[in-house]
């Protein structure tokens, strides 16, 4: 009987710390590995950096195309750009042009 009481007392003293350690381990694991954990956060930050770089490249391309379009407006026509676009679209050259043929590049 005395042995049982001693074991119960000692078990009672161990239950709270064991549950606390288990809960701490559970939450620590999910802090790192969970859906909203540190690894997911780092992955999202990486994706954001890639998307921002892509956005910067697209904005630069948009600015470049906007400049080309503004040069083709009827109010302000750039003769060189107009000539270039006409030749590219119609696949024509002037009689005094020199054409340099480049070898075809692979895919």
PDB file of N, CA and C in Angstrom:
ATOM      1  N   UNK A   1       0.798  -1.189   0.000  1.00  0.00           N
ATOM      2  CA  UNK A   1       0.000   0.000   0.000  1.00  0.00           C
ATOM      3  C   UNK A   1       0.844   1.258   0.000  1.00  0.00           C
ATOM      4  N   UNK A   2       1.846   1.243   0.825  1.00  0.00           N
ATOM      5  CA  UNK A   2       2.708   2.421   0.897  1.00  0.00           C
ATOM      6  C   UNK A   2       3.442   2.593  -0.428  1.00  0.00           C
ATOM      7  N   UNK A   3       3.824   1.495  -1.017  1.00  0.00           N
ATOM      8  CA  UNK A   3       4.541   1.551  -2.292  1.00  0.00           C
ATOM      9  C   UNK A   3       3.627   2.159  -3.368  1.00  0.00           C
ATOM     10  N   UNK A   4       2.362   1.774  -3.356  1.00  0.00           N
ATOM     11  CA  UNK A   4       1.417   2.322  -4.320  1.00  0.00           C
ATOM     12  C   UNK A   4       1.270   3.826  -4.169  1.00  0.00           C
ATOM     13  N   UNK A   5       1.164   4.285  -2.946  1.00  0.00           N
ATOM     14  CA  UNK A   5       1.029   5.716  -2.702  1.00  0.00           C
ATOM     15  C   UNK A   5       2.251   6.482  -3.190  1.00  0.00           C
ATOM     16  N   UNK A   6       3.391   5.929  -2.934  1.00  0.00           N
ATOM     17  CA  UNK A   6       4.632   6.581  -3.366  1.00  0.00           C
ATOM     18  C   UNK A   6       4.680   6.633  -4.900  1.00  0.00           C
ATOM     19  N   UNK A   7       4.315   5.527  -5.549  1.00  0.00           N
ATOM     20  CA  UNK A   7       4.313   5.493  -7.017  1.00  0.00           C
ATOM     21  C   UNK A   7       3.294   6.479  -7.588  1.00  0.00           C
ATOM     22  N   UNK A   8       2.120   6.557  -6.961  1.00  0.00           N
ATOM     23  CA  UNK A   8       1.108   7.509  -7.430  1.00  0.00           C
ATOM     24  C   UNK A   8       1.584   8.944  -7.277  1.00  0.00           C
ATOM     25  N   UNK A   9       2.214   9.236  -6.150  1.00  0.00           N
ATOM     26  CA  UNK A   9       2.731  10.584  -5.944  1.00  0.00           C
ATOM     27  C   UNK A   9       3.795  10.936  -6.977  1.00  0.00           C
ATOM     28  N   UNK A  10       4.695  10.002  -7.199  1.00  0.00           N
ATOM     29  CA  UNK A  10       5.760  10.250  -8.172  1.00  0.00           C
ATOM     30  C   UNK A  10       5.194  10.343  -9.594  1.00  0.00           C
ATOM     31  N   UNK A  11       4.222   9.504  -9.903  1.00  0.00           N
ATOM     32  CA  UNK A  11       3.584   9.565 -11.222  1.00  0.00           C
ATOM     33  C   UNK A  11       2.850  10.896 -11.381  1.00  0.00           C
ATOM     34  N   UNK A  12       2.196  11.336 -10.326  1.00  0.00           N
ATOM     35  CA  UNK A  12       1.503  12.618 -10.367  1.00  0.00           C
ATOM     36  C   UNK A  12       2.466  13.770 -10.578  1.00  0.00           C
ATOM     37  N   UNK A  13       3.657  13.661 -10.014  1.00  0.00           N
ATOM     38  CA  UNK A  13       4.667  14.700 -10.193  1.00  0.00           C
ATOM     39  C   UNK A  13       5.248  14.694 -11.610  1.00  0.00           C
ATOM     40  N   UNK A  14       5.233  13.533 -12.272  1.00  0.00           N
ATOM     41  CA  UNK A  14       5.814  13.420 -13.615  1.00  0.00           C
ATOM     42  C   UNK A  14       4.824  13.723 -14.739  1.00  0.00           C
ATOM     43  N   UNK A  15       3.543  13.603 -14.487  1.00  0.00           N
ATOM     44  CA  UNK A  15       2.552  13.766 -15.548  1.00  0.00           C
ATOM     45  C   UNK A  15       2.574  15.181 -16.124  1.00  0.00           C
ATOM     46  N   UNK A  16       2.559  16.182 -15.307  1.00  0.00           N
ATOM     47  CA  UNK A  16       2.526  17.566 -15.791  1.00  0.00           C
ATOM     48  C   UNK A  16       3.760  17.915 -16.626  1.00  0.00           C
ATOM     49  N   UNK A  17       4.982  17.619 -16.170  1.00  0.00           N
ATOM     50  CA  UNK A  17       6.148  17.925 -17.017  1.00  0.00           C
ATOM     51  C   UNK A  17       6.168  17.139 -18.327  1.00  0.00           C
ATOM     52  N   UNK A  18       5.742  15.882 -18.302  1.00  0.00           N
ATOM     53  CA  UNK A  18       5.725  15.078 -19.527  1.00  0.00           C
ATOM     54  C   UNK A  18       4.724  15.668 -20.519  1.00  0.00           C
ATOM     55  N   UNK A  19       3.539  16.043 -20.066  1.00  0.00           N
ATOM     56  CA  UNK A  19       2.553  16.673 -20.949  1.00  0.00           C
ATOM     57  C   UNK A  19       3.090  18.008 -21.465  1.00  0.00           C
ATOM     58  N   UNK A  20       3.732  18.783 -20.606  1.00  0.00           N
ATOM     59  CA  UNK A  20       4.322  20.058 -21.031  1.00  0.00           C
ATOM     60  C   UNK A  20       5.396  19.872 -22.080  1.00  0.00           C
ATOM     61  N   UNK A  21       6.256  18.893 -21.893  1.00  0.00           N
ATOM     62  CA  UNK A  21       7.312  18.616 -22.868  1.00  0.00           C
ATOM     63  C   UNK A  21       6.704  18.137 -24.188  1.00  0.00           C
ATOM     64  N   UNK A  22       5.679  17.293 -24.119  1.00  0.00           N
ATOM     65  CA  UNK A  22       5.028  16.806 -25.339  1.00  0.00           C
ATOM     66  C   UNK A  22       4.376  17.964 -26.099  1.00  0.00           C
ATOM     67  N   UNK A  23       3.683  18.844 -25.397  1.00  0.00           N
ATOM     68  CA  UNK A  23       3.053  19.996 -26.061  1.00  0.00           C
ATOM     69  C   UNK A  23       4.100  20.938 -26.649  1.00  0.00           C
ATOM     70  N   UNK A  24       5.188  21.153 -25.926  1.00  0.00           N
ATOM     71  CA  UNK A  24       6.260  22.007 -26.438  1.00  0.00           C
ATOM     72  C   UNK A  24       6.860  21.402 -27.702  1.00  0.00           C
ATOM     73  N   UNK A  25       7.083  20.110 -27.717  1.00  0.00           N
ATOM     74  CA  UNK A  25       7.614  19.437 -28.895  1.00  0.00           C
ATOM     75  C   UNK A  25       6.653  19.517 -30.071  1.00  0.00           C
ATOM     76  N   UNK A  26       5.372  19.316 -29.792  1.00  0.00           N
ATOM     77  CA  UNK A  26       4.347  19.377 -30.845  1.00  0.00           C
ATOM     78  C   UNK A  26       4.317  20.754 -31.488  1.00  0.00           C
ATOM     79  N   UNK A  27       4.241  21.797 -30.679  1.00  0.00           N
ATOM     80  CA  UNK A  27       4.168  23.150 -31.223  1.00  0.00           C
ATOM     81  C   UNK A  27       5.488  23.575 -31.878  1.00  0.00           C
ATOM     82  N   UNK A  28       6.600  23.110 -31.354  1.00  0.00           N
ATOM     83  CA  UNK A  28       7.896  23.431 -31.973  1.00  0.00           C
ATOM     84  C   UNK A  28       8.006  22.805 -33.354  1.00  0.00           C
ATOM     85  N   UNK A  29       7.561  21.564 -33.463  1.00  0.00           N
ATOM     86  CA  UNK A  29       7.593  20.891 -34.754  1.00  0.00           C
ATOM     87  C   UNK A  29       6.753  21.653 -35.780  1.00  0.00           C
ATOM     88  N   UNK A  30       5.529  22.033 -35.395  1.00  0.00           N
ATOM     89  CA  UNK A  30       4.651  22.722 -36.328  1.00  0.00           C
ATOM     90  C   UNK A  30       5.083  24.165 -36.574  1.00  0.00           C
ATOM     91  N   UNK A  31       5.852  24.732 -35.677  1.00  0.00           N
ATOM     92  CA  UNK A  31       6.404  26.065 -35.913  1.00  0.00           C
ATOM     93  C   UNK A  31       7.370  26.033 -37.096  1.00  0.00           C
ATOM     94  N   UNK A  32       8.101  24.950 -37.227  1.00  0.00           N
ATOM     95  CA  UNK A  32       9.087  24.830 -38.302  1.00  0.00           C
ATOM     96  C   UNK A  32       8.487  24.170 -39.541  1.00  0.00           C
ATOM     97  N   UNK A  33       7.786  23.075 -39.374  1.00  0.00           N
ATOM     98  CA  UNK A  33       7.353  22.252 -40.504  1.00  0.00           C
ATOM     99  C   UNK A  33       5.913  22.452 -40.944  1.00  0.00           C
ATOM    100  N   UNK A  34       5.113  23.196 -40.249  1.00  0.00           N
ATOM    101  CA  UNK A  34       3.688  23.301 -40.540  1.00  0.00           C
ATOM    102  C   UNK A  34       3.376  24.073 -41.813  1.00  0.00           C
ATOM    103  N   UNK A  35       2.075  24.142 -42.139  1.00  0.00           N
ATOM    104  CA  UNK A  35       1.625  24.857 -43.338  1.00  0.00           C
ATOM    105  C   UNK A  35       1.976  26.331 -43.271  1.00  0.00           C
ATOM    106  N   UNK A  36       1.995  26.879 -42.073  1.00  0.00           N
ATOM    107  CA  UNK A  36       2.349  28.283 -41.891  1.00  0.00           C
ATOM    108  C   UNK A  36       3.621  28.421 -41.064  1.00  0.00           C
ATOM    109  N   UNK A  37       4.487  27.429 -41.175  1.00  0.00           N
ATOM    110  CA  UNK A  37       5.727  27.416 -40.410  1.00  0.00           C
ATOM    111  C   UNK A  37       6.835  28.209 -41.077  1.00  0.00           C
ATOM    112  N   UNK A  38       8.019  28.082 -40.501  1.00  0.00           N
ATOM    113  CA  UNK A  38       9.166  28.844 -40.997  1.00  0.00           C
ATOM    114  C   UNK A  38       9.568  28.437 -42.408  1.00  0.00           C
ATOM    115  N   UNK A  39       9.537  27.143 -42.698  1.00  0.00           N
ATOM    116  CA  UNK A  39       9.905  26.696 -44.050  1.00  0.00           C
ATOM    117  C   UNK A  39       8.936  27.239 -45.094  1.00  0.00           C
ATOM    118  N   UNK A  40       7.632  27.233 -44.781  1.00  0.00           N
ATOM    119  CA  UNK A  40       6.643  27.787 -45.712  1.00  0.00           C
ATOM    120  C   UNK A  40       6.861  29.290 -45.875  1.00  0.00           C
ATOM    121  N   UNK A  41       7.213  29.959 -44.796  1.00  0.00           N
ATOM    122  CA  UNK A  41       7.457  31.401 -44.847  1.00  0.00           C
ATOM    123  C   UNK A  41       8.657  31.719 -45.740  1.00  0.00           C
ATOM    124  N   UNK A  42       9.753  30.947 -45.574  1.00  0.00           N
ATOM    125  CA  UNK A  42      10.928  31.150 -46.431  1.00  0.00           C
ATOM    126  C   UNK A  42      10.586  30.869 -47.887  1.00  0.00           C
ATOM    127  N   UNK A  43       9.818  29.828 -48.136  1.00  0.00           N
ATOM    128  CA  UNK A  43       9.428  29.491 -49.505  1.00  0.00           C
ATOM    129  C   UNK A  43       8.591  30.612 -50.126  1.00  0.00           C
ATOM    130  N   UNK A  44       7.653  31.158 -49.372  1.00  0.00           N
ATOM    131  CA  UNK A  44       6.833  32.261 -49.883  1.00  0.00           C
ATOM    132  C   UNK A  44       7.677  33.499 -50.151  1.00  0.00           C
ATOM    133  N   UNK A  45       8.636  33.777 -49.288  1.00  0.00           N
ATOM    134  CA  UNK A  45       9.523  34.927 -49.518  1.00  0.00           C
ATOM    135  C   UNK A  45      10.336  34.740 -50.790  1.00  0.00           C
ATOM    136  N   UNK A  46      10.780  33.514 -51.042  1.00  0.00           N
ATOM    137  CA  UNK A  46      11.529  33.216 -52.265  1.00  0.00           C
ATOM    138  C   UNK A  46      10.635  33.455 -53.491  1.00  0.00           C
ATOM    139  N   UNK A  47       9.399  32.978 -53.435  1.00  0.00           N
ATOM    140  CA  UNK A  47       8.468  33.173 -54.545  1.00  0.00           C
ATOM    141  C   UNK A  47       8.171  34.652 -54.768  1.00  0.00           C
ATOM    142  N   UNK A  48       8.071  35.415 -53.687  1.00  0.00           N
ATOM    143  CA  UNK A  48       7.813  36.853 -53.801  1.00  0.00           C
ATOM    144  C   UNK A  48       8.980  37.548 -54.489  1.00  0.00           C
ATOM    145  N   UNK A  49      10.212  37.179 -54.127  1.00  0.00           N
ATOM    146  CA  UNK A  49      11.386  37.783 -54.774  1.00  0.00           C
ATOM    147  C   UNK A  49      11.402  37.482 -56.267  1.00  0.00           C
ATOM    148  N   UNK A  50      11.107  36.238 -56.641  1.00  0.00           N
ATOM    149  CA  UNK A  50      11.071  35.859 -58.059  1.00  0.00           C
ATOM    150  C   UNK A  50       9.971  36.633 -58.785  1.00  0.00           C
ATOM    151  N   UNK A  51       8.813  36.750 -58.161  1.00  0.00           N
ATOM    152  CA  UNK A  51       7.700  37.471 -58.789  1.00  0.00           C
ATOM    153  C   UNK A  51       8.030  38.959 -58.944  1.00  0.00           C
ATOM    154  N   UNK A  52       8.710  39.541 -57.962  1.00  0.00           N
ATOM    155  CA  UNK A  52       9.080  40.955 -58.069  1.00  0.00           C
ATOM    156  C   UNK A  52      10.092  41.171 -59.191  1.00  0.00           C
ATOM    157  N   UNK A  53      11.028  40.248 -59.338  1.00  0.00           N
ATOM    158  CA  UNK A  53      12.006  40.354 -60.430  1.00  0.00           C
ATOM    159  C   UNK A  53      11.297  40.231 -61.779  1.00  0.00           C
ATOM    160  N   UNK A  54      10.362  39.304 -61.870  1.00  0.00           N
ATOM    161  CA  UNK A  54       9.591  39.138 -63.104  1.00  0.00           C
ATOM    162  C   UNK A  54       8.759  40.384 -63.392  1.00  0.00           C
ATOM    163  N   UNK A  55       8.173  40.960 -62.355  1.00  0.00           N
ATOM    164  CA  UNK A  55       7.381  42.181 -62.520  1.00  0.00           C
ATOM    165  C   UNK A  55       8.249  43.334 -63.007  1.00  0.00           C
ATOM    166  N   UNK A  56       9.459  43.453 -62.476  1.00  0.00           N
ATOM    167  CA  UNK A  56      10.359  44.519 -62.916  1.00  0.00           C
ATOM    168  C   UNK A  56      10.721  44.348 -64.391  1.00  0.00           C
ATOM    169  N   UNK A  57      10.978  43.107 -64.811  1.00  0.00           N
ATOM    170  CA  UNK A  57      11.297  42.853 -66.218  1.00  0.00           C
ATOM    171  C   UNK A  57      10.098  43.166 -67.112  1.00  0.00           C
ATOM    172  N   UNK A  58       8.911  42.789 -66.675  1.00  0.00           N
ATOM    173  CA  UNK A  58       7.715  43.070 -67.466  1.00  0.00           C
ATOM    174  C   UNK A  58       7.428  44.565 -67.538  1.00  0.00           C
ATOM    175  N   UNK A  59       7.671  45.273 -66.465  1.00  0.00           N
ATOM    176  CA  UNK A  59       7.465  46.727 -66.486  1.00  0.00           C
ATOM    177  C   UNK A  59       8.444  47.398 -67.448  1.00  0.00           C
ATOM    178  N   UNK A  60       9.693  46.925 -67.454  1.00  0.00           N
ATOM    179  CA  UNK A  60      10.674  47.482 -68.388  1.00  0.00           C
ATOM    180  C   UNK A  60      10.246  47.206 -69.827  1.00  0.00           C
ATOM    181  N   UNK A  61       9.783  45.997 -70.088  1.00  0.00           N
ATOM    182  CA  UNK A  61       9.313  45.643 -71.436  1.00  0.00           C
ATOM    183  C   UNK A  61       8.096  46.490 -71.813  1.00  0.00           C
ATOM    184  N   UNK A  62       7.200  46.704 -70.856  1.00  0.00           N
ATOM    185  CA  UNK A  62       6.010  47.529 -71.109  1.00  0.00           C
ATOM    186  C   UNK A  62       6.412  48.961 -71.452  1.00  0.00           C
ATOM    187  N   UNK A  63       7.383  49.493 -70.727  1.00  0.00           N
ATOM    188  CA  UNK A  63       7.855  50.851 -71.008  1.00  0.00           C
ATOM    189  C   UNK A  63       8.460  50.928 -72.401  1.00  0.00           C
ATOM    190  N   UNK A  64       9.234  49.916 -72.762  1.00  0.00           N
ATOM    191  CA  UNK A  64       9.852  49.870 -74.089  1.00  0.00           C
ATOM    192  C   UNK A  64       8.789  49.820 -75.187  1.00  0.00           C
ATOM    193  N   UNK A  65       7.780  48.977 -75.005  1.00  0.00           N
ATOM    194  CA  UNK A  65       6.714  48.874 -76.003  1.00  0.00           C
ATOM    195  C   UNK A  65       5.864  50.141 -76.048  1.00  0.00           C
ATOM    196  N   UNK A  66       5.639  50.768 -74.914  1.00  0.00           N
ATOM    197  CA  UNK A  66       4.864  52.007 -74.891  1.00  0.00           C
ATOM    198  C   UNK A  66       5.594  53.102 -75.668  1.00  0.00           C
ATOM    199  N   UNK A  67       6.918  53.134 -75.555  1.00  0.00           N
ATOM    200  CA  UNK A  67       7.695  54.113 -76.310  1.00  0.00           C
ATOM    201  C   UNK A  67       7.578  53.851 -77.811  1.00  0.00           C
ATOM    202  N   UNK A  68       7.657  52.572 -78.204  1.00  0.00           N
ATOM    203  CA  UNK A  68       7.519  52.240 -79.626  1.00  0.00           C
ATOM    204  C   UNK A  68       6.142  52.628 -80.144  1.00  0.00           C
ATOM    205  N   UNK A  69       5.112  52.358 -79.359  1.00  0.00           N
ATOM    206  CA  UNK A  69       3.754  52.690 -79.778  1.00  0.00           C
ATOM    207  C   UNK A  69       3.585  54.197 -79.881  1.00  0.00           C
ATOM    208  N   UNK A  70       4.138  54.924 -78.930  1.00  0.00           N
ATOM    209  CA  UNK A  70       4.004  56.385 -78.985  1.00  0.00           C
ATOM    210  C   UNK A  70       4.727  56.965 -80.202  1.00  0.00           C
ATOM    211  N   UNK A  71       5.781  56.301 -80.650  1.00  0.00           N
ATOM    212  CA  UNK A  71       6.489  56.765 -81.841  1.00  0.00           C
ATOM    213  C   UNK A  71       5.719  56.465 -83.131  1.00  0.00           C
ATOM    214  N   UNK A  72       4.746  55.587 -83.077  1.00  0.00           N
ATOM    215  CA  UNK A  72       3.955  55.254 -84.259  1.00  0.00           C
ATOM    216  C   UNK A  72       2.626  55.993 -84.299  1.00  0.00           C
ATOM    217  N   UNK A  73       2.346  56.855 -83.368  1.00  0.00           N
ATOM    218  CA  UNK A  73       1.091  57.612 -83.364  1.00  0.00           C
ATOM    219  C   UNK A  73       1.079  58.592 -84.539  1.00  0.00           C
ATOM    220  N   UNK A  74      -0.103  58.857 -85.079  1.00  0.00           N
ATOM    221  CA  UNK A  74      -0.189  59.760 -86.239  1.00  0.00           C
ATOM    222  C   UNK A  74       0.340  61.165 -85.950  1.00  0.00           C
ATOM    223  N   UNK A  75       0.208  61.634 -84.716  1.00  0.00           N
ATOM    224  CA  UNK A  75       0.687  62.983 -84.393  1.00  0.00           C
ATOM    225  C   UNK A  75       2.212  63.071 -84.455  1.00  0.00           C
ATOM    226  N   UNK A  76       2.864  61.957 -84.147  1.00  0.00           N
ATOM    227  CA  UNK A  76       4.331  61.958 -84.101  1.00  0.00           C
ATOM    228  C   UNK A  76       4.832  60.639 -84.675  1.00  0.00           C
ATOM    229  N   UNK A  77       5.142  60.617 -85.937  1.00  0.00           N
ATOM    230  CA  UNK A  77       5.615  59.400 -86.587  1.00  0.00           C
ATOM    231  C   UNK A  77       7.132  59.481 -86.724  1.00  0.00           C
ATOM    232  N   UNK A  78       7.818  58.482 -86.198  1.00  0.00           N
ATOM    233  CA  UNK A  78       9.261  58.386 -86.347  1.00  0.00           C
ATOM    234  C   UNK A  78       9.522  57.680 -87.681  1.00  0.00           C
ATOM    235  N   UNK A  79      10.113  58.352 -88.640  1.00  0.00           N
ATOM    236  CA  UNK A  79      10.284  57.746 -89.981  1.00  0.00           C
ATOM    237  C   UNK A  79      11.121  56.471 -89.965  1.00  0.00           C
ATOM    238  N   UNK A  80      12.159  56.424 -89.152  1.00  0.00           N
ATOM    239  CA  UNK A  80      13.004  55.224 -89.108  1.00  0.00           C
ATOM    240  C   UNK A  80      12.239  54.024 -88.559  1.00  0.00           C
ATOM    241  N   UNK A  81      11.494  54.264 -87.490  1.00  0.00           N
ATOM    242  CA  UNK A  81      10.724  53.168 -86.904  1.00  0.00           C
ATOM    243  C   UNK A  81       9.622  52.718 -87.848  1.00  0.00           C
ATOM    244  N   UNK A  82       8.986  53.655 -88.513  1.00  0.00           N
ATOM    245  CA  UNK A  82       7.943  53.313 -89.481  1.00  0.00           C
ATOM    246  C   UNK A  82       8.521  52.483 -90.620  1.00  0.00           C
ATOM    247  N   UNK A  83       9.679  52.877 -91.131  1.00  0.00           N
ATOM    248  CA  UNK A  83      10.345  52.141 -92.202  1.00  0.00           C
ATOM    249  C   UNK A  83      10.706  50.727 -91.741  1.00  0.00           C
ATOM    250  N   UNK A  84      11.222  50.620 -90.530  1.00  0.00           N
ATOM    251  CA  UNK A  84      11.600  49.312 -89.983  1.00  0.00           C
ATOM    252  C   UNK A  84      10.381  48.402 -89.871  1.00  0.00           C
ATOM    253  N   UNK A  85       9.270  48.923 -89.347  1.00  0.00           N
ATOM    254  CA  UNK A  85       8.063  48.116 -89.177  1.00  0.00           C
ATOM    255  C   UNK A  85       7.465  47.701 -90.529  1.00  0.00           C
ATOM    256  N   UNK A  86       7.494  48.599 -91.489  1.00  0.00           N
ATOM    257  CA  UNK A  86       6.962  48.267 -92.817  1.00  0.00           C
ATOM    258  C   UNK A  86       7.793  47.160 -93.450  1.00  0.00           C
ATOM    259  N   UNK A  87       9.108  47.276 -93.378  1.00  0.00           N
ATOM    260  CA  UNK A  87       9.977  46.248 -93.972  1.00  0.00           C
ATOM    261  C   UNK A  87       9.814  44.902 -93.273  1.00  0.00           C
ATOM    262  N   UNK A  88       9.692  44.931 -91.944  1.00  0.00           N
ATOM    263  CA  UNK A  88       9.528  43.675 -91.211  1.00  0.00           C
ATOM    264  C   UNK A  88       8.174  43.039 -91.508  1.00  0.00           C
ATOM    265  N   UNK A  89       7.140  43.843 -91.584  1.00  0.00           N
ATOM    266  CA  UNK A  89       5.801  43.314 -91.831  1.00  0.00           C
ATOM    267  C   UNK A  89       5.644  42.778 -93.244  1.00  0.00           C
ATOM    268  N   UNK A  90       6.118  43.539 -94.223  1.00  0.00           N
ATOM    269  CA  UNK A  90       5.944  43.142 -95.617  1.00  0.00           C
ATOM    270  C   UNK A  90       7.082  42.268 -96.143  1.00  0.00           C
ATOM    271  N   UNK A  91       8.137  42.129 -95.350  1.00  0.00           N
ATOM    272  CA  UNK A  91       9.284  41.320 -95.726  1.00  0.00           C
ATOM    273  C   UNK A  91       9.909  41.830 -97.023  1.00  0.00           C
ATOM    274  N   UNK A  92      10.125  43.146 -97.093  1.00  0.00           N
ATOM    275  CA  UNK A  92      10.679  43.783 -98.287  1.00  0.00           C
ATOM    276  C   UNK A  92      11.984  44.498 -97.946  1.00  0.00           C
ATOM    277  N   UNK A  93      12.784  44.748 -98.991  1.00  0.00           N
ATOM    278  CA  UNK A  93      14.002  45.539 -98.845  1.00  0.00           C
ATOM    279  C   UNK A  93      14.047  46.555 -99.981  1.00  0.00           C
ATOM    280  N   UNK A  94      14.787  47.605 -99.766  1.00  0.00           N
ATOM    281  CA  UNK A  94      14.959  48.611-100.811  1.00  0.00           C
ATOM    282  C   UNK A  94      15.981  48.098-101.828  1.00  0.00           C
ATOM    283  N   UNK A  95      15.954  48.611-103.063  1.00  0.00           N
ATOM    284  CA  UNK A  95      16.877  48.122-104.095  1.00  0.00           C
ATOM    285  C   UNK A  95      18.344  48.366-103.745  1.00  0.00           C
ATOM    286  N   UNK A  96      18.656  49.397-102.986  1.00  0.00           N
ATOM    287  CA  UNK A  96      20.055  49.680-102.681  1.00  0.00           C
ATOM    288  C   UNK A  96      20.500  49.103-101.334  1.00  0.00           C
ATOM    289  N   UNK A  97      19.676  48.285-100.677  1.00  0.00           N
ATOM    290  CA  UNK A  97      20.045  47.675 -99.391  1.00  0.00           C
ATOM    291  C   UNK A  97      20.959  46.476 -99.614  1.00  0.00           C
ATOM    292  N   UNK A  98      21.837  46.258 -98.638  1.00  0.00           N
ATOM    293  CA  UNK A  98      22.687  45.077 -98.643  1.00  0.00           C
ATOM    294  C   UNK A  98      22.125  44.125 -97.602  1.00  0.00           C
ATOM    295  N   UNK A  99      21.859  42.896 -98.013  1.00  0.00           N
ATOM    296  CA  UNK A  99      21.238  41.913 -97.127  1.00  0.00           C
ATOM    297  C   UNK A  99      22.316  40.926 -96.706  1.00  0.00           C
ATOM    298  N   UNK A 100      22.487  40.756 -95.400  1.00  0.00           N
ATOM    299  CA  UNK A 100      23.417  39.780 -94.856  1.00  0.00           C
ATOM    300  C   UNK A 100      22.625  38.604 -94.331  1.00  0.00           C
ATOM    301  N   UNK A 101      22.884  37.429 -94.849  1.00  0.00           N
ATOM    302  CA  UNK A 101      22.159  36.236 -94.435  1.00  0.00           C
ATOM    303  C   UNK A 101      22.911  35.581 -93.277  1.00  0.00           C
ATOM    304  N   UNK A 102      22.185  35.287 -92.230  1.00  0.00           N
ATOM    305  CA  UNK A 102      22.766  34.601 -91.073  1.00  0.00           C
ATOM    306  C   UNK A 102      22.371  33.128 -91.142  1.00  0.00           C
ATOM    307  N   UNK A 103      23.258  32.265 -90.664  1.00  0.00           N
ATOM    308  CA  UNK A 103      22.874  30.845 -90.645  1.00  0.00           C
ATOM    309  C   UNK A 103      21.737  30.645 -89.635  1.00  0.00           C
ATOM    310  N   UNK A 104      20.872  29.704 -89.932  1.00  0.00           N
ATOM    311  CA  UNK A 104      19.723  29.428 -89.057  1.00  0.00           C
ATOM    312  C   UNK A 104      20.217  28.875 -87.729  1.00  0.00           C
ATOM    313  N   UNK A 105      19.613  29.350 -86.658  1.00  0.00           N
ATOM    314  CA  UNK A 105      19.984  28.851 -85.322  1.00  0.00           C
ATOM    315  C   UNK A 105      19.008  27.752 -84.931  1.00  0.00           C
ATOM    316  N   UNK A 106      19.473  26.837 -84.117  1.00  0.00           N
ATOM    317  CA  UNK A 106      18.653  25.706 -83.680  1.00  0.00           C
ATOM    318  C   UNK A 106      17.588  26.172 -82.690  1.00  0.00           C
ATOM    319  N   UNK A 107      16.672  25.270 -82.328  1.00  0.00           N
ATOM    320  CA  UNK A 107      15.584  25.615 -81.417  1.00  0.00           C
ATOM    321  C   UNK A 107      16.065  25.929 -80.019  1.00  0.00           C
TER     322      UNK A 107
END
